[in-house]
Amino acid sequence: MSGFTRKCNSMIVQENINNLRKEIDQVDSQLLQLLSERMYLVRQIGKAKKTAGLAVVQPDRFENMLTNRLERAKQLKLNETFIENFMNLIHEESIRLQSEL
């Protein structure tokens, strides 16, 4: 393989990587938008809980939600430990937001 051919192949590979990275950037933007929407809903739930005199933390709800998300993660062939950690982080942030109300 000539140097020219290798350089052309390398350029094609790099262009493909750049295009894939642009797609990742778009997906990341969508993820952030969805997280923002989720946190808005969390605040709305927090306000309703406060009005009703309910506790911020409701362990049964979290356990049911986590079980469902882990089942879905398995279906999507996502690492369950990663998803559990991710959902725990989201839950911690949800508690923080609701506790501030």
N, C-alpha and C. Protein backbone atom coordinates (compact mmCIF):
# COMPACT_ATOMS: atom_id res chain seq x y z
N MET A 1 0.86 -1.17 0.00
CA MET A 1 0.00 0.00 0.00
C MET A 1 0.91 1.23 0.00
N SER A 2 0.61 2.15 -0.89
CA SER A 2 1.44 3.35 -1.01
C SER A 2 1.14 4.32 0.12
N GLY A 3 2.05 5.24 0.32
CA GLY A 3 1.86 6.27 1.32
C GLY A 3 0.63 7.11 1.03
N PHE A 4 0.39 7.36 -0.25
CA PHE A 4 -0.78 8.14 -0.64
C PHE A 4 -2.07 7.42 -0.26
N THR A 5 -2.13 6.13 -0.53
CA THR A 5 -3.32 5.33 -0.21
C THR A 5 -3.56 5.29 1.29
N ARG A 6 -2.46 5.09 2.05
CA ARG A 6 -2.60 5.09 3.50
C ARG A 6 -3.11 6.43 4.01
N LYS A 7 -2.58 7.52 3.44
CA LYS A 7 -3.02 8.85 3.86
C LYS A 7 -4.49 9.07 3.53
N CYS A 8 -4.94 8.63 2.35
CA CYS A 8 -6.35 8.76 1.97
C CYS A 8 -7.23 7.93 2.90
N ASN A 9 -6.81 6.70 3.20
CA ASN A 9 -7.57 5.85 4.11
C ASN A 9 -7.65 6.49 5.50
N SER A 10 -6.53 7.06 5.94
CA SER A 10 -6.49 7.71 7.25
C SER A 10 -7.43 8.92 7.28
N MET A 11 -7.47 9.66 6.20
CA MET A 11 -8.36 10.82 6.12
C MET A 11 -9.83 10.39 6.15
N ILE A 12 -10.13 9.29 5.46
CA ILE A 12 -11.49 8.78 5.44
C ILE A 12 -11.89 8.32 6.83
N VAL A 13 -10.99 7.61 7.50
CA VAL A 13 -11.27 7.14 8.86
C VAL A 13 -11.48 8.33 9.78
N GLN A 14 -10.63 9.34 9.70
CA GLN A 14 -10.76 10.52 10.56
C GLN A 14 -12.06 11.26 10.30
N GLU A 15 -12.46 11.36 9.03
CA GLU A 15 -13.73 12.01 8.70
C GLU A 15 -14.90 11.22 9.30
N ASN A 16 -14.82 9.90 9.22
CA ASN A 16 -15.86 9.05 9.80
C ASN A 16 -15.93 9.26 11.32
N ILE A 17 -14.77 9.29 11.97
CA ILE A 17 -14.73 9.52 13.42
C ILE A 17 -15.33 10.88 13.75
N ASN A 18 -14.98 11.90 13.00
CA ASN A 18 -15.52 13.25 13.25
C ASN A 18 -17.03 13.28 13.09
N ASN A 19 -17.55 12.59 12.08
CA ASN A 19 -19.00 12.54 11.89
C ASN A 19 -19.69 11.83 13.05
N LEU A 20 -19.09 10.73 13.50
CA LEU A 20 -19.65 10.01 14.64
C LEU A 20 -19.61 10.87 15.90
N ARG A 21 -18.55 11.63 16.08
CA ARG A 21 -18.46 12.52 17.24
C ARG A 21 -19.52 13.60 17.19
N LYS A 22 -19.83 14.09 16.00
CA LYS A 22 -20.91 15.08 15.87
C LYS A 22 -22.24 14.47 16.28
N GLU A 23 -22.45 13.22 15.91
CA GLU A 23 -23.69 12.54 16.32
C GLU A 23 -23.74 12.37 17.83
N ILE A 24 -22.60 12.02 18.44
CA ILE A 24 -22.54 11.91 19.90
C ILE A 24 -22.86 13.26 20.54
N ASP A 25 -22.32 14.33 19.98
CA ASP A 25 -22.62 15.67 20.51
C ASP A 25 -24.12 15.96 20.47
N GLN A 26 -24.77 15.56 19.40
CA GLN A 26 -26.22 15.77 19.28
C GLN A 26 -26.98 14.95 20.31
N VAL A 27 -26.57 13.70 20.50
CA VAL A 27 -27.22 12.84 21.49
C VAL A 27 -27.01 13.41 22.89
N ASP A 28 -25.79 13.88 23.17
CA ASP A 28 -25.51 14.49 24.48
C ASP A 28 -26.40 15.70 24.72
N SER A 29 -26.59 16.50 23.70
CA SER A 29 -27.47 17.67 23.82
C SER A 29 -28.90 17.23 24.15
N GLN A 30 -29.36 16.17 23.49
CA GLN A 30 -30.70 15.64 23.76
C GLN A 30 -30.79 15.10 25.19
N LEU A 31 -29.74 14.42 25.64
CA LEU A 31 -29.72 13.90 27.01
C LEU A 31 -29.84 15.03 28.02
N LEU A 32 -29.10 16.10 27.79
CA LEU A 32 -29.15 17.24 28.71
C LEU A 32 -30.53 17.88 28.72
N GLN A 33 -31.14 18.00 27.54
CA GLN A 33 -32.49 18.55 27.45
C GLN A 33 -33.47 17.68 28.23
N LEU A 34 -33.35 16.37 28.06
CA LEU A 34 -34.24 15.44 28.77
C LEU A 34 -34.01 15.51 30.29
N LEU A 35 -32.77 15.63 30.71
CA LEU A 35 -32.48 15.77 32.14
C LEU A 35 -33.09 17.05 32.69
N SER A 36 -33.02 18.12 31.92
CA SER A 36 -33.62 19.38 32.34
C SER A 36 -35.13 19.22 32.50
N GLU A 37 -35.76 18.56 31.55
CA GLU A 37 -37.20 18.32 31.63
C GLU A 37 -37.53 17.45 32.83
N ARG A 38 -36.70 16.45 33.08
CA ARG A 38 -36.93 15.56 34.23
C ARG A 38 -36.85 16.34 35.53
N MET A 39 -35.86 17.21 35.64
CA MET A 39 -35.69 17.97 36.87
C MET A 39 -36.82 18.97 37.06
N TYR A 40 -37.38 19.49 35.98
CA TYR A 40 -38.56 20.34 36.08
C TYR A 40 -39.71 19.54 36.71
N LEU A 41 -39.90 18.32 36.22
CA LEU A 41 -40.96 17.47 36.77
C LEU A 41 -40.70 17.12 38.22
N VAL A 42 -39.44 16.88 38.55
CA VAL A 42 -39.05 16.60 39.94
C VAL A 42 -39.46 17.76 40.84
N ARG A 43 -39.21 18.98 40.39
CA ARG A 43 -39.60 20.16 41.18
C ARG A 43 -41.12 20.23 41.36
N GLN A 44 -41.84 19.92 40.30
CA GLN A 44 -43.31 19.94 40.38
C GLN A 44 -43.80 18.90 41.39
N ILE A 45 -43.20 17.73 41.36
CA ILE A 45 -43.56 16.69 42.33
C ILE A 45 -43.20 17.15 43.73
N GLY A 46 -42.03 17.78 43.87
CA GLY A 46 -41.62 18.29 45.18
C GLY A 46 -42.60 19.30 45.74
N LYS A 47 -43.10 20.18 44.88
CA LYS A 47 -44.09 21.17 45.33
C LYS A 47 -45.37 20.47 45.78
N ALA A 48 -45.79 19.46 45.03
CA ALA A 48 -47.01 18.73 45.40
C ALA A 48 -46.80 17.98 46.72
N LYS A 49 -45.63 17.39 46.90
CA LYS A 49 -45.32 16.69 48.15
C LYS A 49 -45.35 17.67 49.32
N LYS A 50 -44.76 18.83 49.12
CA LYS A 50 -44.72 19.83 50.20
C LYS A 50 -46.14 20.26 50.57
N THR A 51 -46.96 20.52 49.58
CA THR A 51 -48.35 20.93 49.82
C THR A 51 -49.12 19.84 50.58
N ALA A 52 -48.84 18.59 50.22
CA ALA A 52 -49.56 17.47 50.84
C ALA A 52 -48.91 17.00 52.14
N GLY A 53 -47.77 17.59 52.49
CA GLY A 53 -47.09 17.18 53.71
C GLY A 53 -46.42 15.82 53.60
N LEU A 54 -46.03 15.44 52.39
CA LEU A 54 -45.38 14.15 52.17
C LEU A 54 -43.86 14.29 52.27
N ALA A 55 -43.22 13.20 52.62
CA ALA A 55 -41.76 13.18 52.71
C ALA A 55 -41.14 13.29 51.32
N VAL A 56 -40.00 13.95 51.26
CA VAL A 56 -39.28 14.07 49.99
C VAL A 56 -38.86 12.68 49.50
N VAL A 57 -38.27 11.90 50.38
CA VAL A 57 -37.78 10.58 50.00
C VAL A 57 -38.88 9.54 50.21
N GLN A 58 -39.15 8.81 49.13
CA GLN A 58 -40.13 7.74 49.17
C GLN A 58 -39.44 6.47 48.63
N PRO A 59 -38.82 5.72 49.54
CA PRO A 59 -37.97 4.59 49.14
C PRO A 59 -38.67 3.55 48.26
N ASP A 60 -39.93 3.26 48.52
CA ASP A 60 -40.62 2.26 47.70
C ASP A 60 -40.71 2.70 46.25
N ARG A 61 -41.02 3.96 46.03
CA ARG A 61 -41.09 4.49 44.67
C ARG A 61 -39.74 4.37 43.99
N PHE A 62 -38.67 4.74 44.70
CA PHE A 62 -37.35 4.67 44.09
C PHE A 62 -36.98 3.23 43.75
N GLU A 63 -37.23 2.31 44.65
CA GLU A 63 -36.89 0.90 44.38
C GLU A 63 -37.65 0.35 43.18
N ASN A 64 -38.94 0.69 43.08
CA ASN A 64 -39.72 0.25 41.92
C ASN A 64 -39.19 0.86 40.63
N MET A 65 -38.90 2.16 40.67
CA MET A 65 -38.37 2.85 39.50
C MET A 65 -37.04 2.24 39.09
N LEU A 66 -36.15 2.02 40.06
CA LEU A 66 -34.83 1.48 39.76
C LEU A 66 -34.94 0.08 39.16
N THR A 67 -35.79 -0.74 39.71
CA THR A 67 -35.99 -2.09 39.16
C THR A 67 -36.44 -2.02 37.71
N ASN A 68 -37.39 -1.13 37.42
CA ASN A 68 -37.88 -0.97 36.04
C ASN A 68 -36.77 -0.48 35.12
N ARG A 69 -35.99 0.49 35.58
CA ARG A 69 -34.92 1.03 34.72
C ARG A 69 -33.83 -0.01 34.47
N LEU A 70 -33.55 -0.83 35.46
CA LEU A 70 -32.53 -1.87 35.28
C LEU A 70 -33.01 -2.95 34.31
N GLU A 71 -34.30 -3.27 34.36
CA GLU A 71 -34.87 -4.22 33.40
C GLU A 71 -34.77 -3.66 31.99
N ARG A 72 -35.09 -2.37 31.86
CA ARG A 72 -35.00 -1.74 30.53
C ARG A 72 -33.56 -1.67 30.06
N ALA A 73 -32.64 -1.38 30.97
CA ALA A 73 -31.21 -1.33 30.62
C ALA A 73 -30.76 -2.68 30.08
N LYS A 74 -31.20 -3.74 30.72
CA LYS A 74 -30.84 -5.09 30.28
C LYS A 74 -31.36 -5.35 28.88
N GLN A 75 -32.60 -4.94 28.61
CA GLN A 75 -33.19 -5.10 27.27
C GLN A 75 -32.37 -4.36 26.22
N LEU A 76 -31.86 -3.20 26.61
CA LEU A 76 -31.10 -2.36 25.68
C LEU A 76 -29.62 -2.72 25.65
N LYS A 77 -29.25 -3.77 26.41
CA LYS A 77 -27.87 -4.23 26.48
C LYS A 77 -26.92 -3.16 27.03
N LEU A 78 -27.44 -2.41 28.02
CA LEU A 78 -26.63 -1.42 28.72
C LEU A 78 -26.09 -2.05 30.00
N ASN A 79 -24.94 -1.59 30.42
CA ASN A 79 -24.33 -2.10 31.64
C ASN A 79 -25.20 -1.71 32.83
N GLU A 80 -25.69 -2.72 33.55
CA GLU A 80 -26.63 -2.47 34.64
C GLU A 80 -26.00 -1.70 35.80
N THR A 81 -24.73 -1.94 36.06
CA THR A 81 -24.04 -1.20 37.13
C THR A 81 -23.96 0.27 36.77
N PHE A 82 -23.64 0.55 35.52
CA PHE A 82 -23.58 1.94 35.05
C PHE A 82 -24.95 2.61 35.21
N ILE A 83 -26.01 1.93 34.79
CA ILE A 83 -27.35 2.51 34.87
C ILE A 83 -27.77 2.68 36.32
N GLU A 84 -27.44 1.73 37.17
CA GLU A 84 -27.78 1.88 38.59
C GLU A 84 -27.07 3.10 39.19
N ASN A 85 -25.80 3.26 38.87
CA ASN A 85 -25.06 4.43 39.37
C ASN A 85 -25.65 5.72 38.81
N PHE A 86 -25.99 5.71 37.54
CA PHE A 86 -26.58 6.88 36.89
C PHE A 86 -27.91 7.25 37.54
N MET A 87 -28.76 6.25 37.77
CA MET A 87 -30.06 6.51 38.38
C MET A 87 -29.91 6.97 39.83
N ASN A 88 -28.93 6.44 40.53
CA ASN A 88 -28.68 6.91 41.90
C ASN A 88 -28.26 8.37 41.91
N LEU A 89 -27.43 8.78 40.95
CA LEU A 89 -27.04 10.19 40.86
C LEU A 89 -28.25 11.08 40.58
N ILE A 90 -29.10 10.64 39.68
CA ILE A 90 -30.31 11.40 39.36
C ILE A 90 -31.20 11.48 40.60
N HIS A 91 -31.32 10.39 41.33
CA HIS A 91 -32.15 10.37 42.53
C HIS A 91 -31.59 11.33 43.58
N GLU A 92 -30.28 11.32 43.77
CA GLU A 92 -29.67 12.23 44.73
C GLU A 92 -29.94 13.68 44.36
N GLU A 93 -29.84 13.99 43.08
CA GLU A 93 -30.12 15.37 42.63
C GLU A 93 -31.60 15.70 42.83
N SER A 94 -32.47 14.75 42.58
CA SER A 94 -33.91 14.95 42.78
C SER A 94 -34.21 15.26 44.24
N ILE A 95 -33.59 14.52 45.14
CA ILE A 95 -33.77 14.75 46.57
C ILE A 95 -33.28 16.14 46.93
N ARG A 96 -32.11 16.51 46.40
CA ARG A 96 -31.54 17.84 46.69
C ARG A 96 -32.50 18.94 46.23
N LEU A 97 -33.00 18.81 45.01
CA LEU A 97 -33.91 19.83 44.48
C LEU A 97 -35.19 19.92 45.29
N GLN A 98 -35.77 18.79 45.63
CA GLN A 98 -37.02 18.80 46.37
C GLN A 98 -36.81 19.30 47.80
N SER A 99 -35.66 19.03 48.37
CA SER A 99 -35.37 19.48 49.74
C SER A 99 -35.21 20.99 49.83
N GLU A 100 -34.84 21.61 48.71
CA GLU A 100 -34.66 23.06 48.69
C GLU A 100 -35.98 23.83 48.61
N LEU A 101 -37.07 23.15 48.29
CA LEU A 101 -38.36 23.84 48.13
C LEU A 101 -38.95 24.25 49.45
